[in-house]
Amino acid sequence: MENDMKNVKSAICVLLIFILGVGSGVLVTHIFYKSRMEQFLRGDPKVREEILLKRLSRKLELDDRQRERVRALVEGTHTEMKNIRKQFRPQIEAVLAKSRAEMRKILRPEQQKKFEQFVTRHKARHEKDE
C-alpha cells in the first residue's frame, strides 16, 4: 500500500513537471512570436525584409544564388515603395490632418489629450521607419 502511494505520488510529480514544461514552452513561444510580429509590424524595414526573405527561402527552397537575387529584388522593391510614399506624402498628410481635426471635434477634452499623445507616438514611429 505504501509503495502504491509512492508510485502514485511519483507519477503525479512527473505529470506535473511535464505539464509545467509544456505550459512554459507554449508561453515562451507565444512571447517570442508576439515580439517578432511587433518587430515586423512597426520595426525596422530591414527586419521585415529579413523575415520575408527567410519565409520565401524556406517555402520556395531557394538556393544561395536565388536567395541573393531575391534579396536584391526585395530591397529594390522596398526602395521603390519608399519613394512612392514620399511622393504622395503631402496628400496623405492632408487627409490625416483633416481626419485628426474631425476626431478632435468628437472627443471630450480629456480624450483629446490622450488622442494627442497617441498621434505623437504614431508620428514618431512612422518617422523612424522612413
Protein backbone atom coordinates (compact mmCIF):
# COMPACT_ATOMS: atom_id res chain seq x y z
CA MET A 1 0.00 0.00 0.00
CA GLU A 2 2.82 2.39 0.93
CA ASN A 3 4.65 1.56 -2.34
CA ASP A 4 1.48 2.20 -4.32
CA MET A 5 1.17 5.67 -2.73
CA LYS A 6 4.81 6.44 -3.54
CA ASN A 7 4.27 5.33 -7.13
CA VAL A 8 1.14 7.48 -7.44
CA LYS A 9 2.95 10.50 -5.95
CA SER A 10 5.90 9.94 -8.29
CA ALA A 11 3.60 9.66 -11.30
CA ILE A 12 1.76 12.83 -10.26
CA CYS A 13 5.07 14.69 -9.85
CA VAL A 14 6.30 13.56 -13.26
CA LEU A 15 2.97 14.53 -14.83
CA LEU A 16 3.03 17.92 -13.11
CA ILE A 17 6.60 18.59 -14.29
CA PHE A 18 5.59 17.60 -17.82
CA ILE A 19 2.55 19.91 -17.76
CA LEU A 20 4.62 22.81 -16.39
CA GLY A 21 7.23 22.20 -19.09
CA VAL A 22 4.65 22.22 -21.85
CA GLY A 23 2.99 25.33 -20.40
CA SER A 24 6.23 27.24 -20.10
CA GLY A 25 7.23 26.18 -23.62
CA VAL A 26 3.96 27.44 -25.02
CA LEU A 27 4.30 30.72 -23.11
CA VAL A 28 7.87 31.35 -24.25
CA THR A 29 6.95 30.51 -27.85
CA HIS A 30 3.97 32.87 -27.70
CA ILE A 31 6.09 35.70 -26.28
CA PHE A 32 8.80 35.12 -28.90
CA TYR A 33 6.38 35.19 -31.84
CA LYS A 34 4.49 38.16 -30.45
CA SER A 35 7.77 40.03 -30.15
CA ARG A 36 8.75 39.08 -33.72
CA MET A 37 5.36 40.22 -35.03
CA GLU A 38 5.68 43.55 -33.24
CA GLN A 39 9.14 44.00 -34.75
CA PHE A 40 7.70 43.09 -38.13
CA LEU A 41 4.72 45.43 -37.92
CA ARG A 42 6.40 48.52 -36.52
CA GLY A 43 10.03 47.73 -36.57
CA ASP A 44 12.92 48.34 -38.83
CA PRO A 45 12.17 47.79 -42.52
CA LYS A 46 15.31 45.65 -42.67
CA VAL A 47 13.73 43.29 -40.12
CA ARG A 48 10.64 42.99 -42.32
CA GLU A 49 12.83 42.32 -45.35
CA GLU A 50 14.77 39.62 -43.48
CA ILE A 51 11.61 37.89 -42.27
CA LEU A 52 10.16 37.96 -45.79
CA LEU A 53 13.39 36.64 -47.28
CA LYS A 54 13.61 33.81 -44.76
CA ARG A 55 9.99 32.84 -45.37
CA LEU A 56 10.40 32.86 -49.14
CA SER A 57 13.67 30.98 -48.91
CA ARG A 58 12.13 28.28 -46.73
CA LYS A 59 8.83 27.96 -48.60
CA LEU A 60 10.38 28.01 -52.07
CA GLU A 61 13.55 26.15 -51.13
CA LEU A 62 15.77 28.81 -52.70
CA ASP A 63 19.41 28.04 -53.29
CA ASP A 64 22.12 30.57 -52.31
CA ARG A 65 22.20 32.25 -55.72
CA GLN A 66 18.42 32.61 -55.83
CA ARG A 67 18.36 33.89 -52.27
CA GLU A 68 20.78 36.71 -53.12
CA ARG A 69 18.81 37.65 -56.23
CA VAL A 70 15.55 37.64 -54.25
CA ARG A 71 17.23 39.74 -51.52
CA ALA A 72 18.22 42.33 -54.14
CA LEU A 73 14.67 42.28 -55.55
CA VAL A 74 13.09 42.74 -52.10
CA GLU A 75 15.47 45.59 -51.24
CA GLY A 76 14.86 47.28 -54.59
CA THR A 77 11.10 46.96 -54.18
CA HIS A 78 11.33 48.44 -50.69
CA THR A 79 13.29 51.42 -52.04
CA GLU A 80 10.75 52.00 -54.80
CA MET A 81 7.84 51.79 -52.35
CA LYS A 82 9.58 54.25 -50.05
CA ASN A 83 10.00 56.70 -52.95
CA ILE A 84 6.33 56.36 -53.90
CA ARG A 85 5.29 57.03 -50.29
CA LYS A 86 7.50 60.15 -50.25
CA GLN A 87 5.89 61.37 -53.47
CA PHE A 88 2.36 61.05 -52.08
CA ARG A 89 3.23 62.00 -48.50
CA PRO A 90 1.86 65.59 -48.73
CA GLN A 91 -1.53 64.32 -49.91
CA ILE A 92 -1.59 61.62 -47.24
CA GLU A 93 -0.67 64.17 -44.56
CA ALA A 94 -3.51 66.45 -45.69
CA VAL A 95 -6.04 63.62 -45.41
CA LEU A 96 -4.69 62.62 -41.99
CA ALA A 97 -4.73 66.22 -40.72
CA LYS A 98 -8.36 66.58 -41.82
CA SER A 99 -9.25 63.32 -40.10
CA ARG A 100 -7.48 64.32 -36.88
CA ALA A 101 -9.30 67.67 -36.86
CA GLU A 102 -12.65 65.90 -37.23
CA MET A 103 -11.67 63.45 -34.48
CA ARG A 104 -10.88 66.31 -32.09
CA LYS A 105 -14.42 67.67 -32.60
CA ILE A 106 -15.87 64.35 -31.47
CA LEU A 107 -13.71 63.87 -28.37
CA ARG A 108 -14.07 65.31 -24.89
CA PRO A 109 -11.12 67.41 -23.58
CA GLU A 110 -9.60 64.56 -21.55
CA GLN A 111 -9.90 62.26 -24.57
CA GLN A 112 -8.28 64.89 -26.77
CA LYS A 113 -5.17 64.85 -24.56
CA LYS A 114 -4.93 61.08 -24.91
CA PHE A 115 -5.52 61.38 -28.63
CA GLU A 116 -2.70 63.91 -28.99
CA GLN A 117 -0.35 61.52 -27.16
CA PHE A 118 -1.45 58.74 -29.49
CA VAL A 119 -0.83 60.90 -32.57
CA THR A 120 2.59 61.97 -31.28
CA ARG A 121 3.67 58.36 -30.66
CA HIS A 122 2.35 57.27 -34.05
CA LYS A 123 4.20 60.07 -35.85
CA ALA A 124 7.43 59.25 -34.02
CA ARG A 125 7.18 55.58 -35.01
CA HIS A 126 6.37 56.48 -38.60
CA GLU A 127 9.27 58.92 -38.87
CA LYS A 128 11.60 56.24 -37.51
CA ASP A 129 10.54 53.92 -40.37
CA GLU A 130 11.36 56.49 -43.04
